[in-house]
Protein backbone atom coordinates (compact mmCIF):
# COMPACT_ATOMS: atom_id res chain seq x y z
CA MET A 1 97.50 121.47 128.64
CA LEU A 2 99.11 118.51 126.88
CA ILE A 3 102.54 117.39 128.05
CA ARG A 4 105.25 117.53 125.42
CA PRO A 5 106.10 113.94 124.42
CA PHE A 6 109.81 114.45 123.74
CA SER A 7 112.71 116.72 124.53
CA LEU A 8 114.71 118.95 122.24
CA PHE A 9 117.36 116.24 122.03
CA SER A 10 115.18 113.24 121.21
CA HIS A 11 112.63 112.85 118.45
CA PRO A 12 110.05 110.03 118.43
CA ILE A 13 110.50 109.50 114.70
CA ASN A 14 114.03 108.27 115.43
CA ASP A 15 112.57 105.59 117.72
CA LEU A 16 110.01 104.57 115.10
CA ILE A 17 112.68 104.26 112.41
CA THR A 18 114.89 102.16 114.69
CA SER A 19 112.00 99.83 115.52
CA ALA A 20 110.99 99.53 111.85
CA ASN A 21 114.47 98.55 110.76
CA GLU A 22 114.65 95.93 113.51
CA HIS A 23 111.38 94.49 112.20
CA TRP A 24 112.75 94.49 108.67
CA ARG A 25 115.87 92.60 109.78
CA SER A 26 113.74 90.06 111.62
CA LEU A 27 111.69 89.45 108.46
CA LEU A 28 114.82 88.83 106.42
CA GLN A 29 115.96 86.24 108.94
CA LYS A 30 112.77 84.26 108.25
CA GLU A 31 113.52 83.76 104.56
CA THR A 32 113.28 80.10 103.53
CA HIS A 33 115.77 78.72 101.03
CA THR A 34 114.59 75.11 100.65
CA LEU A 35 111.28 73.49 99.86
CA ALA A 36 111.33 71.51 103.11
CA ALA A 37 111.87 74.65 105.18
CA ALA A 38 109.12 76.50 103.29
CA ALA A 39 106.66 73.65 103.86
CA ASP A 40 107.53 73.51 107.56
CA GLN A 41 107.03 77.26 107.89
CA TYR A 42 103.69 76.93 106.15
CA ARG A 43 102.45 74.19 108.48
CA SER A 44 103.63 76.08 111.53
CA ARG A 45 101.89 79.32 110.53
CA ARG A 46 98.74 77.95 108.84
CA GLY A 47 97.93 74.84 110.84
CA ARG A 48 97.47 72.63 107.78
CA HIS A 49 99.51 71.16 104.95
CA PRO A 50 100.41 73.40 102.01
CA PRO A 51 98.10 73.03 98.99
CA PRO A 52 98.93 70.62 96.16
CA GLY A 53 101.28 72.28 93.71
CA PHE A 54 103.26 73.90 96.52
CA ALA A 55 106.53 72.31 95.38
CA GLU A 56 106.11 73.64 91.86
CA TRP A 57 105.12 77.05 93.26
CA PHE A 58 108.24 77.18 95.43
CA GLU A 59 110.44 76.24 92.48
CA PHE A 60 108.75 78.95 90.40
CA ALA A 61 109.39 81.50 93.17
CA LYS A 62 113.05 80.58 93.60
CA SER A 63 113.68 80.42 89.86
CA HIS A 64 112.45 84.02 89.72
CA ASP A 65 114.85 85.08 92.48
CA SER A 66 112.06 85.68 94.98
CA ILE A 67 112.51 86.27 98.69
CA VAL A 68 110.18 83.66 100.22
CA VAL A 69 109.00 84.65 103.68
CA GLU A 70 105.79 82.97 104.81
CA GLU A 71 104.50 86.16 106.44
CA PHE A 72 104.45 87.82 103.02
CA PHE A 73 101.41 85.69 102.22
CA ASP A 74 99.38 86.44 105.35
CA GLN A 75 96.98 88.60 103.33
CA ILE A 76 96.01 85.59 101.21
CA HIS A 77 94.87 83.68 104.26
CA HIS A 78 93.21 86.70 105.85
CA ASP A 79 91.17 87.10 102.66
CA LEU A 80 90.36 83.44 101.95
CA ASN A 81 89.85 82.01 105.44
CA PRO A 82 86.22 83.20 105.77
CA PHE A 83 85.24 81.17 102.71
CA TRP A 84 86.12 77.96 104.51
CA GLY A 85 82.85 78.71 106.29
CA LEU A 86 80.91 77.89 103.11
CA GLU A 87 80.58 74.40 101.69
CA PRO A 88 82.96 73.88 98.74
CA ARG A 89 80.18 73.32 96.23
CA GLU A 90 78.52 76.54 97.37
CA VAL A 91 81.79 78.46 96.95
CA ARG A 92 81.99 77.16 93.38
CA ARG A 93 78.33 77.92 92.64
CA ARG A 94 78.61 81.47 93.89
CA ALA A 95 81.83 82.12 91.99
CA ARG A 96 80.44 80.70 88.76
CA GLY A 97 77.32 82.87 88.95
CA TYR A 98 79.16 86.19 88.75
CA GLU A 99 80.45 88.18 85.78
CA PRO A 100 83.01 89.32 84.92
CA ARG A 101 85.11 86.36 86.00
CA ILE A 102 88.28 84.62 84.94
CA GLU A 103 87.75 80.93 84.27
CA VAL A 104 90.49 78.30 84.35
CA ARG A 105 89.84 74.89 82.77
CA ASP A 106 92.50 72.34 81.86
CA HIS A 107 95.27 74.92 82.44
CA LYS A 108 93.74 77.45 80.04
CA VAL A 109 92.26 80.79 81.10
CA LYS A 110 89.49 82.81 79.52
CA LEU A 111 87.43 85.84 80.44
CA VAL A 112 83.69 85.49 80.94
CA GLY A 113 82.09 88.93 80.67
CA GLY A 114 84.26 92.00 80.58
CA GLY A 115 84.92 95.45 81.91
CA VAL A 116 87.55 97.93 82.97
CA TRP A 117 90.93 96.34 83.82
CA THR A 118 89.70 92.74 83.39
CA ASP A 119 91.81 92.08 80.27
CA ILE A 120 94.91 93.13 82.22
CA TRP A 121 94.12 90.79 85.11
CA LEU A 122 93.47 88.04 82.56
CA ASP A 123 96.95 88.64 81.18
CA LEU A 124 98.44 88.33 84.67
CA VAL A 125 96.69 85.02 85.39
CA LYS A 126 97.58 83.73 81.93
CA THR A 127 101.29 83.94 82.80
CA VAL A 128 100.82 81.14 85.35
CA GLU A 129 97.90 79.28 83.75
CA LYS A 130 99.84 76.07 83.10
CA TYR A 131 100.27 75.56 86.85
CA LEU A 132 96.66 76.26 87.87
CA PRO A 133 93.83 73.87 88.72
CA ASP A 134 90.28 74.50 87.51
CA LEU A 135 88.64 77.52 89.15
CA ASP A 136 86.34 80.51 88.67
CA MET A 137 87.61 83.92 89.75
CA PRO A 138 84.98 86.72 90.00
CA ILE A 139 86.45 90.20 89.43
CA ASN A 140 85.47 93.53 90.98
CA GLN A 141 85.98 96.04 88.19
CA MET A 142 84.94 99.10 90.23
CA ASP A 143 87.36 101.47 91.98
CA GLU A 144 85.41 101.10 95.21
CA SER A 145 85.31 97.89 97.22
CA ARG A 146 81.93 96.15 97.17
CA MET A 147 81.59 93.39 99.76
CA VAL A 148 80.90 93.68 103.48
CA ILE A 149 79.98 90.42 105.19
CA PRO A 150 78.34 91.26 108.55
CA TRP A 151 80.58 90.65 111.54
CA GLY A 152 78.44 87.86 112.98
CA ALA A 153 78.65 85.84 109.78
CA ILE A 154 82.40 86.46 109.47
CA ASN A 155 82.92 85.28 113.04
CA SER A 156 81.02 82.08 112.30
CA PHE A 157 82.99 81.48 109.09
CA ILE A 158 86.33 82.02 110.85
CA ASP A 159 85.34 79.61 113.62
CA LYS A 160 84.65 76.95 110.98
CA GLU A 161 87.98 77.60 109.28
CA GLN A 162 89.90 77.27 112.52
CA ALA A 163 88.05 74.07 113.41
CA SER A 164 89.00 72.59 110.03
CA ARG A 165 92.73 72.98 110.62
CA GLY A 166 94.90 69.98 111.17
CA LEU A 167 97.73 68.01 109.61
CA THR A 168 96.14 65.06 107.84
CA GLU A 169 98.08 61.81 108.05
CA THR A 170 100.40 61.43 105.09
CA ASP A 171 98.78 58.27 103.71
CA LYS A 172 95.31 59.83 103.93
CA THR A 173 96.19 63.04 102.10
CA VAL A 174 95.27 63.50 98.43
CA SER A 175 97.13 65.70 95.98
CA GLU A 176 94.88 65.99 92.92
CA TYR A 177 92.45 68.89 92.51
CA MET A 178 89.00 68.11 91.18
CA SER A 179 88.00 68.91 87.61
CA LEU A 180 85.23 71.44 87.02
CA SER A 181 84.78 70.67 83.33
CA ASN A 182 81.39 69.00 83.64
CA GLU A 183 79.94 70.78 86.67
CA VAL A 184 76.56 72.44 86.17
CA ASP A 185 74.67 74.53 88.71
CA GLU A 186 70.97 73.92 89.22
CA GLU A 187 70.38 77.50 90.39
CA ARG A 188 72.44 80.54 89.41
CA PHE A 189 73.80 82.65 92.27
CA GLU A 190 72.85 86.31 92.03
CA PRO A 191 74.19 88.48 94.86
CA ARG A 192 72.08 91.43 95.93
CA PHE A 193 73.88 94.74 95.59
CA LEU A 194 72.75 97.82 97.51
CA GLY A 195 73.00 101.36 96.20
CA PRO A 196 72.85 104.86 97.69
CA ALA A 197 69.05 104.72 97.83
CA ASP A 198 69.23 101.76 100.22
CA SER A 199 71.61 103.12 102.83
CA SER A 200 74.67 105.31 103.37
CA VAL A 201 78.06 103.76 102.73
CA TRP A 202 78.96 104.14 106.40
CA GLU A 203 75.83 102.25 107.46
CA MET A 204 76.71 99.47 105.02
CA THR A 205 80.38 99.18 105.91
CA ARG A 206 80.22 99.45 109.69
CA LEU A 207 78.32 96.14 109.71
CA GLY A 208 81.71 94.57 109.03
CA CYS A 209 83.09 95.95 112.31
CA ALA A 210 83.17 93.92 115.53
CA LEU A 211 80.18 94.45 117.81
CA ASP A 212 82.37 96.02 120.48
CA SER A 213 84.38 98.21 118.10
CA PRO A 214 84.18 102.01 118.50
CA SER A 215 82.62 102.45 115.07
CA ARG A 216 79.90 99.80 115.19
CA ASP A 217 77.29 102.19 116.62
CA SER A 218 78.98 105.49 115.80
CA PHE A 219 77.30 108.19 113.75
CA ILE A 220 79.30 111.35 112.98
CA PRO A 221 77.80 112.77 109.77
CA HIS A 222 79.87 115.96 109.78
CA ILE A 223 82.78 117.50 111.69
CA ASP A 224 82.69 121.14 112.72
CA PHE A 225 86.39 121.95 113.03
CA ALA A 226 85.56 124.83 115.38
CA ASN A 227 84.05 122.30 117.80
CA PRO A 228 85.57 118.92 116.92
CA PRO A 229 84.29 115.73 118.55
CA PRO A 230 86.52 113.89 121.02
CA GLU A 231 87.16 111.19 118.40
CA MET A 232 89.43 113.68 116.61
CA ASP A 233 92.04 112.87 119.27
CA ASN A 234 92.20 109.16 118.37
CA TYR A 235 95.45 109.71 116.51
CA LEU A 236 97.08 110.51 119.86
CA ARG A 237 95.72 107.38 121.51
CA LEU A 238 96.80 105.11 118.66
CA GLY A 239 100.14 106.72 117.88
CA TYR A 240 103.55 107.00 119.47
CA LYS A 241 103.98 110.53 120.76
CA GLY A 242 101.80 111.85 117.96
CA TYR A 243 103.15 109.74 115.09
CA VAL A 244 101.91 106.54 113.44
CA LYS A 245 102.98 103.49 115.42
CA ASN A 246 100.67 100.76 114.14
CA TRP A 247 99.89 101.23 110.44
CA THR A 248 97.17 98.57 110.48
CA GLN A 249 95.27 100.27 113.29
CA THR A 250 95.82 103.74 111.86
CA MET A 251 94.03 102.87 108.62
CA ASP A 252 91.15 100.92 110.19
CA PRO A 253 87.80 102.78 110.19
CA CYS A 254 86.40 100.24 112.67
CA ILE A 255 88.56 101.77 115.40
CA ARG A 256 88.62 105.25 113.85
CA PRO A 257 84.95 106.38 113.84
CA GLU A 258 86.02 109.94 112.98
CA LEU A 259 87.00 108.73 109.50
CA GLN A 260 83.35 108.51 108.51
CA ALA A 261 83.42 112.33 108.29
CA LEU A 262 87.05 112.69 107.15
CA HIS A 263 87.19 110.50 104.03
CA GLY A 264 85.23 110.79 100.80
CA THR A 265 84.60 107.04 100.69
CA PHE A 266 82.16 107.38 103.59
CA ILE A 267 80.82 110.86 102.82
CA GLU A 268 79.67 110.17 99.26
CA PRO A 269 81.68 107.95 96.92
CA VAL A 270 81.36 108.25 93.16
CA SER A 271 79.80 104.78 92.95
CA VAL A 272 77.97 102.66 95.50
CA SER A 273 77.27 98.98 94.86
CA THR A 274 77.71 96.93 98.02
CA THR A 275 76.67 93.40 98.87
CA HIS A 276 76.44 91.62 102.21
CA ASP A 277 76.36 88.23 100.45
CA ALA A 278 79.51 86.16 100.79
CA PHE A 279 81.24 84.99 97.63
CA PRO A 280 84.89 85.09 96.48
CA LEU A 281 85.27 88.45 94.73
CA PHE A 282 88.78 89.45 93.65
CA GLY A 283 89.93 93.08 93.47
CA GLY A 284 92.90 95.43 93.68
CA SER A 285 92.13 97.15 96.99
CA LYS A 286 89.65 97.20 99.84
CA LEU A 287 88.82 98.78 103.16
CA PRO A 288 89.87 96.79 106.24
CA MET A 289 86.25 95.75 106.90
CA ASN A 290 85.65 94.63 103.31
CA ASN A 291 85.84 90.99 102.29
CA GLU A 292 87.21 91.00 98.76
CA VAL A 293 90.21 88.83 97.96
CA LEU A 294 93.14 91.10 97.13
CA ILE A 295 95.19 90.73 93.96
CA PRO A 296 97.82 93.10 92.54
CA PRO A 297 96.00 96.09 90.99
CA ALA A 298 95.68 95.93 87.23
CA MET A 299 97.39 99.30 86.77
CA TYR A 300 100.48 97.90 88.54
CA TRP A 301 100.65 94.94 86.19
CA ALA A 302 100.03 97.17 83.16
CA ASP A 303 102.75 99.58 84.33
CA ASN A 304 100.68 102.48 82.99
CA LYS A 305 102.91 105.51 82.29
CA LEU A 306 100.30 107.76 83.89
CA TYR A 307 101.07 106.06 87.21
CA SER A 308 104.69 105.02 86.71
CA GLY A 309 106.37 107.68 84.59
CA GLY A 310 107.40 105.10 82.00
CA ASP A 311 109.93 102.29 81.69
CA ASN A 312 112.97 102.73 83.92
CA GLU A 313 111.82 106.19 84.98
CA HIS A 314 112.37 106.17 88.74
CA GLY A 315 114.39 109.30 89.33
CA ASP A 316 118.01 110.35 89.56
CA ASP A 317 120.26 108.53 92.01
CA ASN A 318 121.75 111.91 92.91
CA TRP A 319 119.71 112.73 96.01
CA ASP A 320 121.37 116.10 96.50
CA ALA A 321 120.24 117.22 93.05
CA LYS A 322 116.58 116.72 93.96
CA LYS A 323 114.38 119.59 95.09
CA ASP A 324 113.80 119.97 98.85
CA PHE A 325 110.01 119.86 98.64
CA PHE A 326 107.02 117.76 99.65
CA LEU A 327 105.26 117.37 96.29
CA TRP A 328 101.71 116.41 95.34
CA ARG A 329 99.70 116.83 92.15
CA GLY A 330 96.31 115.38 91.41
CA SER A 331 92.59 115.90 91.01
CA ALA A 332 90.12 116.51 93.81
CA THR A 333 88.89 112.93 93.69
CA GLY A 334 87.69 110.90 96.65
CA GLY A 335 83.98 111.05 95.96
CA ARG A 336 81.30 113.56 95.10
CA SER A 337 82.55 116.68 96.84
CA LYS A 338 79.54 118.96 97.07
CA GLU A 339 79.25 122.46 98.49
CA GLU A 340 77.93 121.13 101.80
CA THR A 341 80.39 118.20 102.11
CA TRP A 342 83.77 119.07 100.54
CA THR A 343 85.28 120.10 103.88
CA GLY A 344 85.40 116.44 104.94
CA PHE A 345 87.34 115.17 101.92
CA GLN A 346 90.87 113.92 102.51
CA ARG A 347 92.62 115.46 99.50
CA HIS A 348 91.10 118.88 100.10
CA ARG A 349 92.17 118.71 103.75
CA LEU A 350 95.81 117.90 103.02
CA ILE A 351 96.17 120.58 100.35
CA SER A 352 94.70 123.15 102.74
CA MET A 353 96.93 122.07 105.61
CA LEU A 354 100.03 122.50 103.45
CA ASN A 355 99.04 125.96 102.27
CA GLY A 356 100.92 128.62 104.23
CA THR A 357 98.19 131.22 103.76
CA SER A 358 95.51 128.83 105.06
CA VAL A 359 97.67 127.98 108.07
CA GLU A 360 98.19 131.69 108.82
CA ALA A 361 94.41 132.12 108.89
CA ALA A 362 93.91 128.99 110.98
CA GLU A 363 96.42 130.13 113.59
CA GLN A 364 94.04 132.92 114.59
CA THR A 365 91.42 130.42 115.80
CA ARG A 366 93.23 127.00 115.75
CA HIS A 367 91.04 125.80 112.89
CA PHE A 368 90.18 126.43 109.25
CA ALA A 369 87.16 125.60 107.10
CA ASN A 370 88.33 122.02 106.61
CA PHE A 371 91.05 121.28 109.15
CA LEU A 372 92.17 121.58 112.74
CA LEU A 373 95.68 122.57 113.76
CA PRO A 374 97.58 120.20 116.08
CA ASP A 375 98.84 121.31 119.46
CA TYR A 376 102.23 122.87 118.73
CA ASP A 377 103.42 122.26 122.29
CA TYR A 378 102.52 118.56 122.15
CA TYR A 379 104.61 118.15 119.00
CA ASN A 380 107.29 120.52 120.31
CA LEU A 381 106.92 122.22 116.95
CA ALA A 382 109.44 125.05 116.88
CA THR A 383 108.15 126.66 113.68
CA GLY A 384 104.63 126.53 115.05
CA LYS A 385 105.48 128.14 118.37
CA ASP A 386 107.59 130.92 116.86
CA GLY A 387 105.12 131.73 114.08
CA HIS A 388 107.25 130.42 111.20
CA LEU A 389 105.22 127.35 110.19
CA PRO A 390 103.59 129.13 107.21
CA GLU A 391 107.06 130.12 106.03
CA LEU A 392 108.30 126.52 106.37
CA LEU A 393 105.37 125.32 104.25
CA LYS A 394 105.90 127.98 101.60
CA ASN A 395 109.58 127.07 101.34
CA HIS A 396 109.22 123.29 101.29
CA THR A 397 105.83 122.23 99.92
CA ASP A 398 104.56 122.23 96.34
CA VAL A 399 101.04 120.84 96.26
CA GLY A 400 97.98 121.56 94.17
CA PHE A 401 94.89 120.37 92.37
CA VAL A 402 94.89 120.10 88.59
CA HIS A 403 91.07 119.82 88.61
CA LEU A 404 88.64 120.72 91.40
CA LEU A 405 85.90 118.30 90.24
CA CYS A 406 82.70 120.00 91.30
CA PHE A 407 79.62 117.85 91.62
CA PRO A 408 77.66 118.06 89.49
CA GLY A 409 80.39 119.15 87.13
CA ASP A 410 80.52 120.54 83.61
CA GLY A 411 84.15 119.73 82.82
CA ASP A 412 85.49 123.09 84.01
CA PRO A 413 88.52 122.50 86.27
CA HIS A 414 87.34 125.32 88.54
CA CYS A 415 84.60 125.07 91.16
CA PRO A 416 82.68 128.05 92.60
CA TYR A 417 82.50 126.78 96.17
CA THR A 418 86.14 125.67 96.43
CA ASP A 419 87.75 128.34 94.22
CA PRO A 420 88.15 130.67 97.24
CA TYR A 421 90.36 128.02 98.88
CA PHE A 422 92.26 126.37 96.01
CA ALA A 423 93.93 127.47 92.81
CA VAL A 424 94.00 125.17 89.81
CA THR A 425 97.63 124.12 89.32
CA PRO A 426 99.30 122.86 86.12
CA GLY A 427 99.80 119.11 86.02
CA MET A 428 103.17 117.42 86.29
CA PRO A 429 104.14 114.14 84.55
CA MET A 430 105.24 111.39 86.90
CA LYS A 431 108.80 111.31 85.62
CA GLU A 432 109.16 115.00 86.53
CA GLN A 433 107.87 114.36 90.04
CA TYR A 434 110.89 112.15 90.72
CA ALA A 435 113.02 115.31 90.74
CA TYR A 436 111.57 116.04 94.21
CA LYS A 437 112.78 114.40 97.42
CA TYR A 438 109.40 113.81 99.07
CA LEU A 439 106.34 112.46 97.23
CA LEU A 440 103.00 112.65 99.01
CA ASP A 441 100.55 109.86 98.27
CA LEU A 442 96.97 109.51 99.45
CA ASP A 443 93.68 107.85 98.60
CA GLY A 444 91.44 109.12 95.83
CA ASN A 445 88.25 107.24 94.97
CA SER A 446 90.02 104.20 96.40
CA PHE A 447 93.74 103.33 96.61
CA SER A 448 96.42 105.39 94.90
CA GLY A 449 97.76 103.88 91.69
CA ARG A 450 101.04 105.76 92.09
CA TYR A 451 102.19 104.06 95.27
CA ARG A 452 104.23 101.20 93.76
CA SER A 453 106.03 103.60 91.43
CA PHE A 454 106.80 105.95 94.31
CA LEU A 455 108.26 103.05 96.30
CA ARG A 456 110.44 102.07 93.34
CA SER A 457 111.66 105.64 92.89
CA THR A 458 114.67 107.37 94.42
CA SER A 459 112.31 109.75 96.25
CA LEU A 460 110.71 109.15 99.65
CA PRO A 461 106.97 108.30 99.70
CA ILE A 462 104.91 110.09 102.38
CA LYS A 463 101.81 107.91 102.58
CA SER A 464 98.27 108.16 103.94
CA ALA A 465 95.71 105.44 103.24
CA ILE A 466 92.72 103.56 104.57
CA TYR A 467 92.69 101.11 101.64
CA LYS A 468 94.59 97.84 101.87
CA GLU A 469 96.66 96.31 99.05
CA TRP A 470 98.17 92.89 98.40
CA HIS A 471 101.70 93.92 99.41
CA ASP A 472 101.00 95.58 102.78
CA SER A 473 102.81 92.91 104.81
CA ARG A 474 105.95 93.35 102.66
CA ILE A 475 106.40 97.11 103.00
CA ILE A 476 107.37 98.44 106.42
CA PRO A 477 106.36 101.92 107.61
CA TRP A 478 109.29 104.05 108.78
CA ALA A 479 111.72 101.70 106.99
CA HIS A 480 110.49 102.03 103.38
CA PHE A 481 108.08 104.96 103.54
CA VAL A 482 106.80 107.59 105.95
CA PRO A 483 103.26 106.90 107.18
CA ILE A 484 100.95 109.80 108.00
CA ASP A 485 97.73 109.67 109.96
CA PRO A 486 94.53 110.22 107.90
CA THR A 487 93.77 113.29 110.02
CA PHE A 488 97.17 114.69 108.89
CA MET A 489 97.70 116.11 112.38
CA ASP A 490 101.26 114.75 112.30
CA ILE A 491 102.25 116.28 108.96
CA TYR A 492 103.85 119.44 110.37
CA GLY A 493 106.00 117.47 112.79
CA ILE A 494 107.15 115.25 109.92
CA ILE A 495 108.01 118.21 107.71
CA GLU A 496 109.95 119.93 110.50
CA TYR A 497 111.74 116.66 111.30
CA PHE A 498 113.12 116.41 107.77
CA PHE A 499 113.81 120.12 107.13
CA GLY A 500 114.54 121.47 110.59
CA ASP A 501 113.29 124.86 111.77
CA GLY A 502 115.79 126.98 109.89
CA LYS A 503 117.48 127.92 113.16
CA ASP A 504 118.72 125.66 115.94
CA ARG A 505 117.09 122.39 114.91
CA LYS A 506 118.76 120.59 112.08
CA GLY A 507 116.85 118.54 109.56
CA HIS A 508 117.26 114.84 108.82
CA ASP A 509 118.05 114.85 105.11
CA SER A 510 120.39 111.85 105.37
CA VAL A 511 117.67 109.85 107.14
CA ALA A 512 115.26 110.64 104.31
CA ARG A 513 117.82 109.60 101.72
CA LYS A 514 118.49 106.29 103.43
CA MET A 515 114.78 105.48 103.76
CA ALA A 516 114.13 106.41 100.12
CA PHE A 517 116.97 104.26 98.80
CA ASP A 518 116.21 101.38 101.19
CA GLY A 519 112.59 101.48 100.02
CA LYS A 520 113.62 101.47 96.38
CA ALA A 521 116.02 98.56 96.82
CA TRP A 522 113.42 96.58 98.76
CA ALA A 523 110.62 97.31 96.27
CA GLU A 524 112.89 96.03 93.51
CA ARG A 525 113.11 92.74 95.42
CA VAL A 526 109.50 92.22 96.56
CA LEU A 527 107.22 94.35 94.31
CA ARG A 528 108.43 93.21 90.89
CA ARG A 529 106.08 91.89 88.23
CA GLU A 530 107.53 88.47 89.08
CA ASP A 531 106.39 88.94 92.68
CA MET A 532 102.87 89.66 91.47
CA GLN A 533 102.92 86.41 89.50
CA ILE A 534 104.22 84.47 92.50
CA TYR A 535 101.55 85.96 94.77
CA VAL A 536 98.68 85.24 92.36
CA TYR A 537 99.97 81.71 91.68
CA ARG A 538 100.04 80.93 95.42
CA LEU A 539 96.69 82.65 96.00
CA LEU A 540 94.92 80.61 93.32
CA LEU A 541 96.30 77.31 94.62
CA GLU A 542 94.86 78.19 98.03
CA TYR A 543 91.57 79.30 96.49
CA ALA A 544 91.23 76.15 94.39
CA ARG A 545 91.76 74.00 97.48
CA LEU A 546 89.07 75.66 99.60
CA SER A 547 86.69 75.26 96.63
CA ASP A 548 87.41 71.52 96.36
CA ASP A 549 85.06 68.90 97.82
CA ARG A 550 88.05 67.10 99.36
CA ARG A 551 89.65 70.24 100.78
CA ASP A 552 90.07 68.84 104.31
CA ILE A 553 92.40 66.10 103.06
CA LEU A 554 93.87 67.92 100.07
CA GLY A 555 97.49 68.93 100.50
CA TYR A 556 101.17 68.72 99.68
CA VAL A 557 102.91 66.03 101.78
CA GLN A 558 105.64 64.75 99.50
CA ASP A 559 108.30 66.08 101.86
CA ARG A 560 106.68 64.23 104.77
CA PHE A 561 106.42 61.06 102.72
CA GLU A 562 110.14 61.24 101.91
CA GLU A 563 111.00 61.80 105.57
CA GLU A 564 108.92 58.81 106.64
CA SER A 565 110.44 56.67 103.88
CA GLY A 566 113.98 57.64 104.87
CA TYR A 567 114.73 59.69 101.74
CA SER A 568 116.16 63.20 101.71
């Protein structure tokens, strides 16, 4: 018997929200307002001088009213640091051998090759082209992430990067990037990509996990929800009294081996093309063990109405006029959901868990075809213990598939093996979804293209993900959105927290409103199109430096020179 983690008078979500807001305040206190302070923060956090062009980058950021906090750029260094393990000329050779790529020469960009989304990314880079040194930027045009450098190689690369750190003496530092105009490669780099015939996606991706990680040698091809493996309890070990505490750990398959059987990415993705060869490949999202370099997704820059609802369509400021529902609409994407595998797919699982009729059936045995019920006593779930959880779901959730996506499919939105479990529901334009208070968001074939728009709306995002994006260090769980575990075992506790049990326990509507409006205000400061430009500008300065033959002595030191010369 599990011990209840909290009393009737204290809810762990309150603690998580308090902690998140303290973290948010601490971030704001780290904002730098001057170039000298920004350069000092950089040196302190990165262990080397900023790259050449840093002064112009900082001026660009401040002129666009940006909040400059050095931690906001941690993802850049996480992504690029391994490539310090390759010789600069080899980085350039490997980048130049891949198509499609964006090429910068003499402050002009062009696209070499083409594909889905590449023209949009070209447009983004073009907005800062006049500031950029020469470089070649390979682009991943697939939804799925494609690069997994084995852990041993990554470890070696990181060791080399850390050994290269140091603050070069001011008079020995150079500030001019090399030109690539006349460089020719003797041998073209051609990475080897593996497909489904070579190995399963899980076998390919777990090579990126540490040797001592729980997933490195784990093999769970399927989960029988009537007899779940012990790994299904990992959400309790990683969480705080059943709720997400560490968002980074929660979404990491290397420490969540159960995800190999609970997410379509690992069961059977739509496309498989994975390389273990290291080269700088830029893309909009990736798994934690992947090694792409993250950039803002093209659909965010394009502001596609399908994912945003249209210009200035972010919902009514009148919270009380919104509908008291958890809403989700979408297709049954996530991979090739076949008759023998669909029960492991994340979207199918969440829709089933929020269906009152399915929960009624599951309560007879504690499980359903594709999900397991949480322990109601552990969560102190009043509606679960008194038999009213199905009623709570029927009164406060509106979720459904607009297409069931059989595989192989013939275009029919129905599917014979999932029709007994799911009805096909009419679609709903994004701008109509903003009339609901709570907007569920979860992975499809990769990341969800709706997330940025949800954050900028006056509704509260309820988010599950295992894919990383460029802005993850800027958005704080429990301050700007509600995180949910990828098992969804915490979803009922979250719903009851916000709505109450209809009897003695009151809901937390005002808490939801505050988080939704805080998230919107913050997203309008740190997730603007200008912030995407600032991020890409900074990223490409860093990338150009590590690709430069003089990278160990290449840096911005003008502020140090002025200090040493007695100027201010």
